[in-house]
PDB file of all heavy atoms in Angstrom:
ATOM      1  N   VAL A   1    -137.216  86.863-175.992  1.00  0.00           N
ATOM      2  CA  VAL A   1    -137.442  85.938-177.103  1.00  0.00           C
ATOM      3  C   VAL A   1    -136.373  84.849-177.081  1.00  0.00           C
ATOM      4  O   VAL A   1    -136.672  83.656-177.264  1.00  0.00           O
ATOM      5  CB  VAL A   1    -137.456  86.696-178.450  1.00  0.00           C
ATOM      6  CG1 VAL A   1    -137.415  85.725-179.624  1.00  0.00           C
ATOM      7  CG2 VAL A   1    -138.706  87.570-178.544  1.00  0.00           C
ATOM      8  N   ALA A   2    -135.121  85.222-176.856  1.00  0.00           N
ATOM      9  CA  ALA A   2    -134.048  84.230-176.794  1.00  0.00           C
ATOM     10  C   ALA A   2    -134.285  83.223-175.676  1.00  0.00           C
ATOM     11  O   ALA A   2    -134.106  82.010-175.866  1.00  0.00           O
ATOM     12  CB  ALA A   2    -132.705  84.933-176.611  1.00  0.00           C
ATOM     13  N   ARG A   3    -134.699  83.706-174.523  1.00  0.00           N
ATOM     14  CA  ARG A   3    -134.987  82.790-173.404  1.00  0.00           C
ATOM     15  C   ARG A   3    -136.128  81.854-173.747  1.00  0.00           C
ATOM     16  O   ARG A   3    -136.099  80.662-173.424  1.00  0.00           O
ATOM     17  CB  ARG A   3    -135.339  83.585-172.144  1.00  0.00           C
ATOM     18  CG  ARG A   3    -134.156  84.219-171.438  1.00  0.00           C
ATOM     19  CD  ARG A   3    -134.419  84.400-169.944  1.00  0.00           C
ATOM     20  NE  ARG A   3    -135.675  85.065-169.646  1.00  0.00           N
ATOM     21  CZ  ARG A   3    -136.492  84.696-168.648  1.00  0.00           C
ATOM     22  NH1 ARG A   3    -136.182  83.656-167.885  1.00  0.00           N
ATOM     23  NH2 ARG A   3    -137.610  85.369-168.422  1.00  0.00           N
ATOM     24  N   ALA A   4    -137.161  82.391-174.401  1.00  0.00           N
ATOM     25  CA  ALA A   4    -138.330  81.566-174.722  1.00  0.00           C
ATOM     26  C   ALA A   4    -138.013  80.520-175.780  1.00  0.00           C
ATOM     27  O   ALA A   4    -138.525  79.392-175.730  1.00  0.00           O
ATOM     28  CB  ALA A   4    -139.475  82.457-175.173  1.00  0.00           C
ATOM     29  N   VAL A   5    -137.179  80.873-176.765  1.00  0.00           N
ATOM     30  CA  VAL A   5    -136.772  79.895-177.769  1.00  0.00           C
ATOM     31  C   VAL A   5    -136.103  78.698-177.097  1.00  0.00           C
ATOM     32  O   VAL A   5    -136.399  77.532-177.397  1.00  0.00           O
ATOM     33  CB  VAL A   5    -135.827  80.535-178.814  1.00  0.00           C
ATOM     34  CG1 VAL A   5    -135.148  79.472-179.661  1.00  0.00           C
ATOM     35  CG2 VAL A   5    -136.598  81.504-179.705  1.00  0.00           C
ATOM     36  N   ALA A   6    -135.207  78.973-176.158  1.00  0.00           N
ATOM     37  CA  ALA A   6    -134.520  77.902-175.445  1.00  0.00           C
ATOM     38  C   ALA A   6    -135.477  77.138-174.526  1.00  0.00           C
ATOM     39  O   ALA A   6    -135.429  75.904-174.445  1.00  0.00           O
ATOM     40  CB  ALA A   6    -133.358  78.488-174.644  1.00  0.00           C
ATOM     41  N   ARG A   7    -136.345  77.873-173.854  1.00  0.00           N
ATOM     42  CA  ARG A   7    -137.253  77.255-172.877  1.00  0.00           C
ATOM     43  C   ARG A   7    -138.209  76.271-173.537  1.00  0.00           C
ATOM     44  O   ARG A   7    -138.520  75.216-172.973  1.00  0.00           O
ATOM     45  CB  ARG A   7    -138.023  78.372-172.170  1.00  0.00           C
ATOM     46  CG  ARG A   7    -138.856  77.935-171.005  1.00  0.00           C
ATOM     47  CD  ARG A   7    -139.224  79.126-170.115  1.00  0.00           C
ATOM     48  NE  ARG A   7    -139.935  80.199-170.793  1.00  0.00           N
ATOM     49  CZ  ARG A   7    -139.441  81.421-170.952  1.00  0.00           C
ATOM     50  NH1 ARG A   7    -138.227  81.726-170.517  1.00  0.00           N
ATOM     51  NH2 ARG A   7    -140.161  82.354-171.562  1.00  0.00           N
ATOM     52  N   HIS A   8    -138.678  76.617-174.717  1.00  0.00           N
ATOM     53  CA  HIS A   8    -139.685  75.790-175.389  1.00  0.00           C
ATOM     54  C   HIS A   8    -139.101  74.922-176.506  1.00  0.00           C
ATOM     55  O   HIS A   8    -139.847  74.160-177.121  1.00  0.00           O
ATOM     56  CB  HIS A   8    -140.790  76.681-175.961  1.00  0.00           C
ATOM     57  CG  HIS A   8    -141.540  77.443-174.916  1.00  0.00           C
ATOM     58  ND1 HIS A   8    -142.443  76.855-174.062  1.00  0.00           N
ATOM     59  CD2 HIS A   8    -141.492  78.753-174.570  1.00  0.00           C
ATOM     60  CE1 HIS A   8    -142.932  77.768-173.235  1.00  0.00           C
ATOM     61  NE2 HIS A   8    -142.369  78.935-173.524  1.00  0.00           N
ATOM     62  N   GLY A   9    -137.815  75.050-176.763  1.00  0.00           N
ATOM     63  CA  GLY A   9    -137.238  74.328-177.886  1.00  0.00           C
ATOM     64  C   GLY A   9    -137.909  74.690-179.190  1.00  0.00           C
ATOM     65  O   GLY A   9    -138.165  73.830-180.040  1.00  0.00           O
ATOM     66  N   ALA A  10    -138.200  75.975-179.375  1.00  0.00           N
ATOM     67  CA  ALA A  10    -138.958  76.439-180.538  1.00  0.00           C
ATOM     68  C   ALA A  10    -138.214  76.148-181.836  1.00  0.00           C
ATOM     69  O   ALA A  10    -136.980  76.234-181.907  1.00  0.00           O
ATOM     70  CB  ALA A  10    -139.226  77.936-180.421  1.00  0.00           C
ATOM     71  N   ARG A  11    -138.967  75.792-182.864  1.00  0.00           N
ATOM     72  CA  ARG A  11    -138.370  75.529-184.170  1.00  0.00           C
ATOM     73  C   ARG A  11    -138.369  76.761-185.075  1.00  0.00           C
ATOM     74  O   ARG A  11    -137.759  76.756-186.140  1.00  0.00           O
ATOM     75  CB  ARG A  11    -139.109  74.388-184.865  1.00  0.00           C
ATOM     76  CG  ARG A  11    -140.509  74.707-185.361  1.00  0.00           C
ATOM     77  CD  ARG A  11    -141.098  73.518-186.122  1.00  0.00           C
ATOM     78  NE  ARG A  11    -142.343  73.824-186.803  1.00  0.00           N
ATOM     79  CZ  ARG A  11    -143.545  73.711-186.257  1.00  0.00           C
ATOM     80  NH1 ARG A  11    -143.660  73.290-184.993  1.00  0.00           N
ATOM     81  NH2 ARG A  11    -144.631  74.008-186.961  1.00  0.00           N
ATOM     82  N   GLY A  12    -139.074  77.792-184.654  1.00  0.00           N
ATOM     83  CA  GLY A  12    -139.126  79.011-185.442  1.00  0.00           C
ATOM     84  C   GLY A  12    -139.835  80.113-184.680  1.00  0.00           C
ATOM     85  O   GLY A  12    -140.470  79.869-183.636  1.00  0.00           O
ATOM     86  N   ILE A  13    -139.689  81.325-185.206  1.00  0.00           N
ATOM     87  CA  ILE A  13    -140.344  82.503-184.627  1.00  0.00           C
ATOM     88  C   ILE A  13    -141.193  83.138-185.723  1.00  0.00           C
ATOM     89  O   ILE A  13    -140.719  83.330-186.846  1.00  0.00           O
ATOM     90  CB  ILE A  13    -139.305  83.532-184.120  1.00  0.00           C
ATOM     91  CG1 ILE A  13    -138.456  82.934-183.005  1.00  0.00           C
ATOM     92  CG2 ILE A  13    -140.004  84.819-183.652  1.00  0.00           C
ATOM     93  CD1 ILE A  13    -137.241  83.791-182.659  1.00  0.00           C
ATOM     94  N   GLN A  14    -142.422  83.469-185.392  1.00  0.00           N
ATOM     95  CA  GLN A  14    -143.300  84.168-186.333  1.00  0.00           C
ATOM     96  C   GLN A  14    -143.891  85.374-185.622  1.00  0.00           C
ATOM     97  O   GLN A  14    -144.520  85.240-184.576  1.00  0.00           O
ATOM     98  CB  GLN A  14    -144.410  83.240-186.828  1.00  0.00           C
ATOM     99  CG  GLN A  14    -145.369  83.912-187.806  1.00  0.00           C
ATOM    100  CD  GLN A  14    -146.108  82.917-188.657  1.00  0.00           C
ATOM    101  OE1 GLN A  14    -145.504  82.209-189.461  1.00  0.00           O
ATOM    102  NE2 GLN A  14    -147.434  82.839-188.489  1.00  0.00           N
ATOM    103  N   ALA A  15    -143.670  86.563-186.171  1.00  0.00           N
ATOM    104  CA  ALA A  15    -144.097  87.799-185.515  1.00  0.00           C
ATOM    105  C   ALA A  15    -144.765  88.729-186.518  1.00  0.00           C
ATOM    106  O   ALA A  15    -144.455  88.709-187.714  1.00  0.00           O
ATOM    107  CB  ALA A  15    -142.903  88.506-184.876  1.00  0.00           C
ATOM    108  N   THR A  16    -145.677  89.544-186.017  1.00  0.00           N
ATOM    109  CA  THR A  16    -146.227  90.645-186.803  1.00  0.00           C
ATOM    110  C   THR A  16    -145.292  91.840-186.664  1.00  0.00           C
ATOM    111  O   THR A  16    -144.789  92.123-185.568  1.00  0.00           O
ATOM    112  CB  THR A  16    -147.632  91.013-186.303  1.00  0.00           C
ATOM    113  OG1 THR A  16    -148.515  89.914-186.557  1.00  0.00           O
ATOM    114  CG2 THR A  16    -148.163  92.260-186.984  1.00  0.00           C
ATOM    115  N   GLU A  17    -145.051  92.537-187.758  1.00  0.00           N
ATOM    116  CA  GLU A  17    -144.152  93.686-187.734  1.00  0.00           C
ATOM    117  C   GLU A  17    -144.575  94.667-186.646  1.00  0.00           C
ATOM    118  O   GLU A  17    -145.766  94.921-186.438  1.00  0.00           O
ATOM    119  CB  GLU A  17    -144.145  94.391-189.091  1.00  0.00           C
ATOM    120  CG  GLU A  17    -145.490  94.967-189.490  1.00  0.00           C
ATOM    121  CD  GLU A  17    -145.487  95.581-190.879  1.00  0.00           C
ATOM    122  OE1 GLU A  17    -144.395  95.697-191.471  1.00  0.00           O
ATOM    123  OE2 GLU A  17    -146.567  95.953-191.368  1.00  0.00           O
ATOM    124  N   PRO A  18    -143.618  95.234-185.911  1.00  0.00           N
ATOM    125  CA  PRO A  18    -143.949  96.211-184.868  1.00  0.00           C
ATOM    126  C   PRO A  18    -144.300  97.560-185.472  1.00  0.00           C
ATOM    127  O   PRO A  18    -144.029  97.826-186.648  1.00  0.00           O
ATOM    128  CB  PRO A  18    -142.673  96.290-184.038  1.00  0.00           C
ATOM    129  CG  PRO A  18    -141.589  95.959-185.003  1.00  0.00           C
ATOM    130  CD  PRO A  18    -142.181  94.970-185.984  1.00  0.00           C
ATOM    131  N   GLY A  19    -144.885  98.423-184.652  1.00  0.00           N
ATOM    132  CA  GLY A  19    -145.324  99.726-185.138  1.00  0.00           C
ATOM    133  C   GLY A  19    -144.265 100.804-185.076  1.00  0.00           C
ATOM    134  O   GLY A  19    -144.462 101.887-185.623  1.00  0.00           O
ATOM    135  N   GLU A  20    -143.120 100.529-184.411  1.00  0.00           N
ATOM    136  CA  GLU A  20    -142.118 101.561-184.218  1.00  0.00           C
ATOM    137  C   GLU A  20    -140.785 101.158-184.846  1.00  0.00           C
ATOM    138  O   GLU A  20    -140.396  99.981-184.834  1.00  0.00           O
ATOM    139  CB  GLU A  20    -141.934 101.847-182.721  1.00  0.00           C
ATOM    140  CG  GLU A  20    -143.226 102.333-182.064  1.00  0.00           C
ATOM    141  CD  GLU A  20    -142.998 102.917-180.685  1.00  0.00           C
ATOM    142  OE1 GLU A  20    -141.886 102.748-180.132  1.00  0.00           O
ATOM    143  OE2 GLU A  20    -143.929 103.546-180.158  1.00  0.00           O
ATOM    144  N   TRP A  21    -140.106 102.144-185.370  1.00  0.00           N
ATOM    145  CA  TRP A  21    -138.858 101.943-186.086  1.00  0.00           C
ATOM    146  C   TRP A  21    -137.820 101.237-185.225  1.00  0.00           C
ATOM    147  O   TRP A  21    -137.189 100.263-185.661  1.00  0.00           O
ATOM    148  CB  TRP A  21    -138.310 103.302-186.545  1.00  0.00           C
ATOM    149  CG  TRP A  21    -137.006 103.225-187.260  1.00  0.00           C
ATOM    150  CD1 TRP A  21    -135.751 103.256-186.708  1.00  0.00           C
ATOM    151  CD2 TRP A  21    -136.804 103.076-188.669  1.00  0.00           C
ATOM    152  NE1 TRP A  21    -134.787 103.160-187.679  1.00  0.00           N
ATOM    153  CE2 TRP A  21    -135.408 103.034-188.897  1.00  0.00           C
ATOM    154  CE3 TRP A  21    -137.660 102.978-189.769  1.00  0.00           C
ATOM    155  CZ2 TRP A  21    -134.855 102.920-190.166  1.00  0.00           C
ATOM    156  CZ3 TRP A  21    -137.114 102.857-191.036  1.00  0.00           C
ATOM    157  CH2 TRP A  21    -135.728 102.825-191.231  1.00  0.00           C
ATOM    158  N   ARG A  22    -137.628 101.689-183.983  1.00  0.00           N
ATOM    159  CA  ARG A  22    -136.570 101.125-183.142  1.00  0.00           C
ATOM    160  C   ARG A  22    -136.850  99.657-182.841  1.00  0.00           C
ATOM    161  O   ARG A  22    -135.919  98.839-182.773  1.00  0.00           O
ATOM    162  CB  ARG A  22    -136.417 101.924-181.842  1.00  0.00           C
ATOM    163  CG  ARG A  22    -137.637 101.904-180.988  1.00  0.00           C
ATOM    164  CD  ARG A  22    -137.587 102.714-179.706  1.00  0.00           C
ATOM    165  NE  ARG A  22    -138.861 102.536-179.042  1.00  0.00           N
ATOM    166  CZ  ARG A  22    -139.164 101.476-178.320  1.00  0.00           C
ATOM    167  NH1 ARG A  22    -138.272 100.537-178.113  1.00  0.00           N
ATOM    168  NH2 ARG A  22    -140.354 101.359-177.779  1.00  0.00           N
ATOM    169  N   VAL A  23    -138.131  99.281-182.672  1.00  0.00           N
ATOM    170  CA  VAL A  23    -138.461  97.885-182.394  1.00  0.00           C
ATOM    171  C   VAL A  23    -138.283  97.051-183.656  1.00  0.00           C
ATOM    172  O   VAL A  23    -137.834  95.903-183.604  1.00  0.00           O
ATOM    173  CB  VAL A  23    -139.889  97.762-181.831  1.00  0.00           C
ATOM    174  CG1 VAL A  23    -140.205  96.312-181.472  1.00  0.00           C
ATOM    175  CG2 VAL A  23    -140.062  98.641-180.591  1.00  0.00           C
ATOM    176  N   ARG A  24    -138.629  97.614-184.810  1.00  0.00           N
ATOM    177  CA  ARG A  24    -138.418  96.901-186.070  1.00  0.00           C
ATOM    178  C   ARG A  24    -136.930  96.625-186.284  1.00  0.00           C
ATOM    179  O   ARG A  24    -136.540  95.538-186.720  1.00  0.00           O
ATOM    180  CB  ARG A  24    -138.996  97.701-187.241  1.00  0.00           C
ATOM    181  CG  ARG A  24    -138.810  97.048-188.612  1.00  0.00           C
ATOM    182  CD  ARG A  24    -139.635  95.783-188.749  1.00  0.00           C
ATOM    183  NE  ARG A  24    -139.255  94.976-189.891  1.00  0.00           N
ATOM    184  CZ  ARG A  24    -140.099  94.596-190.864  1.00  0.00           C
ATOM    185  NH1 ARG A  24    -141.353  94.996-190.828  1.00  0.00           N
ATOM    186  NH2 ARG A  24    -139.689  93.836-191.844  1.00  0.00           N
ATOM    187  N   GLU A  25    -136.083  97.604-185.976  1.00  0.00           N
ATOM    188  CA  GLU A  25    -134.653  97.400-186.112  1.00  0.00           C
ATOM    189  C   GLU A  25    -134.169  96.260-185.219  1.00  0.00           C
ATOM    190  O   GLU A  25    -133.359  95.424-185.634  1.00  0.00           O
ATOM    191  CB  GLU A  25    -133.913  98.694-185.750  1.00  0.00           C
ATOM    192  CG  GLU A  25    -134.105  99.814-186.746  1.00  0.00           C
ATOM    193  CD  GLU A  25    -133.300  99.595-188.015  1.00  0.00           C
ATOM    194  OE1 GLU A  25    -132.077  99.823-188.001  1.00  0.00           O
ATOM    195  OE2 GLU A  25    -133.910  99.180-189.025  1.00  0.00           O
ATOM    196  N   ALA A  26    -134.682  96.214-183.993  1.00  0.00           N
ATOM    197  CA  ALA A  26    -134.309  95.136-183.074  1.00  0.00           C
ATOM    198  C   ALA A  26    -134.822  93.794-183.580  1.00  0.00           C
ATOM    199  O   ALA A  26    -134.111  92.779-183.533  1.00  0.00           O
ATOM    200  CB  ALA A  26    -134.852  95.425-181.684  1.00  0.00           C
ATOM    201  N   MET A  27    -136.058  93.776-184.076  1.00  0.00           N
ATOM    202  CA  MET A  27    -136.652  92.527-184.549  1.00  0.00           C
ATOM    203  C   MET A  27    -135.903  91.991-185.767  1.00  0.00           C
ATOM    204  O   MET A  27    -135.725  90.767-185.912  1.00  0.00           O
ATOM    205  CB  MET A  27    -138.133  92.744-184.865  1.00  0.00           C
ATOM    206  CG  MET A  27    -138.906  91.472-185.118  1.00  0.00           C
ATOM    207  SD  MET A  27    -140.687  91.746-185.380  1.00  0.00           S
ATOM    208  CE  MET A  27    -141.249  92.059-183.702  1.00  0.00           C
ATOM    209  N   GLU A  28    -135.454  92.870-186.653  1.00  0.00           N
ATOM    210  CA  GLU A  28    -134.693  92.427-187.810  1.00  0.00           C
ATOM    211  C   GLU A  28    -133.402  91.728-187.384  1.00  0.00           C
ATOM    212  O   GLU A  28    -132.914  90.813-188.069  1.00  0.00           O
ATOM    213  CB  GLU A  28    -134.377  93.609-188.734  1.00  0.00           C
ATOM    214  CG  GLU A  28    -135.579  94.160-189.478  1.00  0.00           C
ATOM    215  CD  GLU A  28    -136.103  93.210-190.553  1.00  0.00           C
ATOM    216  OE1 GLU A  28    -135.398  92.235-190.897  1.00  0.00           O
ATOM    217  OE2 GLU A  28    -137.223  93.448-191.048  1.00  0.00           O
ATOM    218  N   GLN A  29    -132.833  92.154-186.252  1.00  0.00           N
ATOM    219  CA  GLN A  29    -131.607  91.524-185.758  1.00  0.00           C
ATOM    220  C   GLN A  29    -131.836  90.091-185.305  1.00  0.00           C
ATOM    221  O   GLN A  29    -130.889  89.300-185.238  1.00  0.00           O
ATOM    222  CB  GLN A  29    -131.016  92.358-184.619  1.00  0.00           C
ATOM    223  CG  GLN A  29    -130.512  93.731-185.020  1.00  0.00           C
ATOM    224  CD  GLN A  29    -129.421  93.668-186.074  1.00  0.00           C
ATOM    225  OE1 GLN A  29    -128.468  92.907-185.948  1.00  0.00           O
ATOM    226  NE2 GLN A  29    -129.574  94.460-187.136  1.00  0.00           N
ATOM    227  N   TRP A  30    -133.092  89.760-184.993  1.00  0.00           N
ATOM    228  CA  TRP A  30    -133.368  88.385-184.580  1.00  0.00           C
ATOM    229  C   TRP A  30    -132.993  87.393-185.673  1.00  0.00           C
ATOM    230  O   TRP A  30    -132.667  86.236-185.397  1.00  0.00           O
ATOM    231  CB  TRP A  30    -134.856  88.215-184.242  1.00  0.00           C
ATOM    232  CG  TRP A  30    -135.344  89.017-183.082  1.00  0.00           C
ATOM    233  CD1 TRP A  30    -134.609  89.806-182.255  1.00  0.00           C
ATOM    234  CD2 TRP A  30    -136.694  89.123-182.647  1.00  0.00           C
ATOM    235  NE1 TRP A  30    -135.416  90.411-181.317  1.00  0.00           N
ATOM    236  CE2 TRP A  30    -136.701  89.999-181.541  1.00  0.00           C
ATOM    237  CE3 TRP A  30    -137.907  88.575-183.083  1.00  0.00           C
ATOM    238  CZ2 TRP A  30    -137.871  90.332-180.854  1.00  0.00           C
ATOM    239  CZ3 TRP A  30    -139.072  88.893-182.416  1.00  0.00           C
ATOM    240  CH2 TRP A  30    -139.062  89.762-181.306  1.00  0.00           C
ATOM    241  N   ARG A  31    -133.042  87.817-186.923  1.00  0.00           N
ATOM    242  CA  ARG A  31    -132.750  86.898-188.031  1.00  0.00           C
ATOM    243  C   ARG A  31    -131.329  86.334-187.928  1.00  0.00           C
ATOM    244  O   ARG A  31    -131.064  85.207-188.364  1.00  0.00           O
ATOM    245  CB  ARG A  31    -132.930  87.612-189.369  1.00  0.00           C
ATOM    246  CG  ARG A  31    -134.341  88.135-189.638  1.00  0.00           C
ATOM    247  CD  ARG A  31    -134.423  88.712-191.043  1.00  0.00           C
ATOM    248  NE  ARG A  31    -135.651  89.449-191.296  1.00  0.00           N
ATOM    249  CZ  ARG A  31    -136.810  88.893-191.666  1.00  0.00           C
ATOM    250  NH1 ARG A  31    -136.889  87.579-191.796  1.00  0.00           N
ATOM    251  NH2 ARG A  31    -137.881  89.633-191.899  1.00  0.00           N
ATOM    252  N   THR A  32    -130.417  87.138-187.379  1.00  0.00           N
ATOM    253  CA  THR A  32    -129.038  86.671-187.229  1.00  0.00           C
ATOM    254  C   THR A  32    -128.711  86.258-185.801  1.00  0.00           C
ATOM    255  O   THR A  32    -127.810  85.444-185.589  1.00  0.00           O
ATOM    256  CB  THR A  32    -128.056  87.776-187.669  1.00  0.00           C
ATOM    257  OG1 THR A  32    -128.308  88.980-186.934  1.00  0.00           O
ATOM    258  CG2 THR A  32    -128.207  88.054-189.158  1.00  0.00           C
ATOM    259  N   GLU A  33    -129.453  86.801-184.821  1.00  0.00           N
ATOM    260  CA  GLU A  33    -129.133  86.526-183.427  1.00  0.00           C
ATOM    261  C   GLU A  33    -129.805  85.268-182.884  1.00  0.00           C
ATOM    262  O   GLU A  33    -129.316  84.672-181.926  1.00  0.00           O
ATOM    263  CB  GLU A  33    -129.532  87.728-182.561  1.00  0.00           C
ATOM    264  CG  GLU A  33    -128.716  88.979-182.846  1.00  0.00           C
ATOM    265  CD  GLU A  33    -129.179  90.165-182.018  1.00  0.00           C
ATOM    266  OE1 GLU A  33    -130.148  90.015-181.245  1.00  0.00           O
ATOM    267  OE2 GLU A  33    -128.577  91.250-182.155  1.00  0.00           O
ATOM    268  N   MET A  34    -130.933  84.876-183.482  1.00  0.00           N
ATOM    269  CA  MET A  34    -131.666  83.720-182.979  1.00  0.00           C
ATOM    270  C   MET A  34    -131.236  82.447-183.726  1.00  0.00           C
ATOM    271  O   MET A  34    -130.927  82.502-184.920  1.00  0.00           O
ATOM    272  CB  MET A  34    -133.174  83.937-183.121  1.00  0.00           C
ATOM    273  CG  MET A  34    -133.713  85.136-182.353  1.00  0.00           C
ATOM    274  SD  MET A  34    -133.479  84.958-180.577  1.00  0.00           S
ATOM    275  CE  MET A  34    -133.745  86.674-180.055  1.00  0.00           C
ATOM    276  N   PRO A  35    -131.258  81.323-183.047  1.00  0.00           N
ATOM    277  CA  PRO A  35    -130.802  80.065-183.675  1.00  0.00           C
ATOM    278  C   PRO A  35    -131.860  79.393-184.543  1.00  0.00           C
ATOM    279  O   PRO A  35    -131.651  78.262-184.987  1.00  0.00           O
ATOM    280  CB  PRO A  35    -130.464  79.190-182.462  1.00  0.00           C
ATOM    281  CG  PRO A  35    -131.410  79.652-181.402  1.00  0.00           C
ATOM    282  CD  PRO A  35    -131.555  81.140-181.608  1.00  0.00           C
ATOM    283  N   VAL A  36    -133.000  80.078-184.768  1.00  0.00           N
ATOM    284  CA  VAL A  36    -134.087  79.502-185.553  1.00  0.00           C
ATOM    285  C   VAL A  36    -134.547  80.506-186.603  1.00  0.00           C
ATOM    286  O   VAL A  36    -134.211  81.694-186.555  1.00  0.00           O
ATOM    287  CB  VAL A  36    -135.289  79.106-184.651  1.00  0.00           C
ATOM    288  CG1 VAL A  36    -134.888  78.012-183.666  1.00  0.00           C
ATOM    289  CG2 VAL A  36    -135.831  80.331-183.904  1.00  0.00           C
ATOM    290  N   ARG A  37    -135.341  80.015-187.545  1.00  0.00           N
ATOM    291  CA  ARG A  37    -135.855  80.879-188.624  1.00  0.00           C
ATOM    292  C   ARG A  37    -136.823  81.907-188.043  1.00  0.00           C
ATOM    293  O   ARG A  37    -137.647  81.592-187.182  1.00  0.00           O
ATOM    294  CB  ARG A  37    -136.569  80.015-189.662  1.00  0.00           C
ATOM    295  CG  ARG A  37    -137.184  80.786-190.815  1.00  0.00           C
ATOM    296  CD  ARG A  37    -137.747  79.821-191.851  1.00  0.00           C
ATOM    297  NE  ARG A  37    -138.384  80.510-192.957  1.00  0.00           N
ATOM    298  CZ  ARG A  37    -139.684  80.773-193.017  1.00  0.00           C
ATOM    299  NH1 ARG A  37    -140.484  80.384-192.040  1.00  0.00           N
ATOM    300  NH2 ARG A  37    -140.198  81.396-194.063  1.00  0.00           N
ATOM    301  N   VAL A  38    -136.726  83.132-188.543  1.00  0.00           N
ATOM    302  CA  VAL A  38    -137.600  84.226-188.094  1.00  0.00           C
ATOM    303  C   VAL A  38    -138.424  84.711-189.278  1.00  0.00           C
ATOM    304  O   VAL A  38    -137.878  85.047-190.339  1.00  0.00           O
ATOM    305  CB  VAL A  38    -136.781  85.393-187.501  1.00  0.00           C
ATOM    306  CG1 VAL A  38    -137.696  86.559-187.143  1.00  0.00           C
ATOM    307  CG2 VAL A  38    -135.990  84.932-186.285  1.00  0.00           C
ATOM    308  N   ARG A  39    -139.722  84.761-189.093  1.00  0.00           N
ATOM    309  CA  ARG A  39    -140.637  85.237-190.129  1.00  0.00           C
ATOM    310  C   ARG A  39    -141.375  86.458-189.581  1.00  0.00           C
ATOM    311  O   ARG A  39    -142.005  86.391-188.520  1.00  0.00           O
ATOM    312  CB  ARG A  39    -141.624  84.137-190.497  1.00  0.00           C
ATOM    313  CG  ARG A  39    -142.546  84.464-191.660  1.00  0.00           C
ATOM    314  CD  ARG A  39    -143.541  83.334-191.873  1.00  0.00           C
ATOM    315  NE  ARG A  39    -144.386  83.557-193.042  1.00  0.00           N
ATOM    316  CZ  ARG A  39    -145.582  83.009-193.197  1.00  0.00           C
ATOM    317  NH1 ARG A  39    -146.078  82.193-192.259  1.00  0.00           N
ATOM    318  NH2 ARG A  39    -146.293  83.261-194.282  1.00  0.00           N
ATOM    319  N   ILE A  40    -141.294  87.597-190.291  1.00  0.00           N
ATOM    320  CA  ILE A  40    -141.950  88.831-189.872  1.00  0.00           C
ATOM    321  C   ILE A  40    -143.025  89.165-190.895  1.00  0.00           C
ATOM    322  O   ILE A  40    -142.732  89.318-192.088  1.00  0.00           O
ATOM    323  CB  ILE A  40    -140.940  89.990-189.737  1.00  0.00           C
ATOM    324  CG1 ILE A  40    -139.840  89.626-188.732  1.00  0.00           C
ATOM    325  CG2 ILE A  40    -141.651  91.266-189.308  1.00  0.00           C
ATOM    326  CD1 ILE A  40    -138.700  90.638-188.669  1.00  0.00           C
ATOM    327  N   LEU A  41    -144.251  89.283-190.443  1.00  0.00           N
ATOM    328  CA  LEU A  41    -145.406  89.469-191.315  1.00  0.00           C
ATOM    329  C   LEU A  41    -145.936  90.893-191.254  1.00  0.00           C
ATOM    330  O   LEU A  41    -145.809  91.571-190.226  1.00  0.00           O
ATOM    331  CB  LEU A  41    -146.513  88.491-190.918  1.00  0.00           C
ATOM    332  CG  LEU A  41    -146.149  87.006-190.977  1.00  0.00           C
ATOM    333  CD1 LEU A  41    -147.260  86.164-190.371  1.00  0.00           C
ATOM    334  CD2 LEU A  41    -145.870  86.593-192.405  1.00  0.00           C
TER     335      LEU A  41
END
C-alpha cells in the first residue's frame, strides 16, 4: 500500500474492513503510517 500511494500519488486510501483480526490491526496502523487519509468501511 505504501509503495502504491507513492507510485500513483494517491490522495487517500479507501478500504473495506478485513475479515481477520491481525489484518484489521495492520490496517488500523495505516492511519498513522500512511501520508494520506485512510477510510475503512
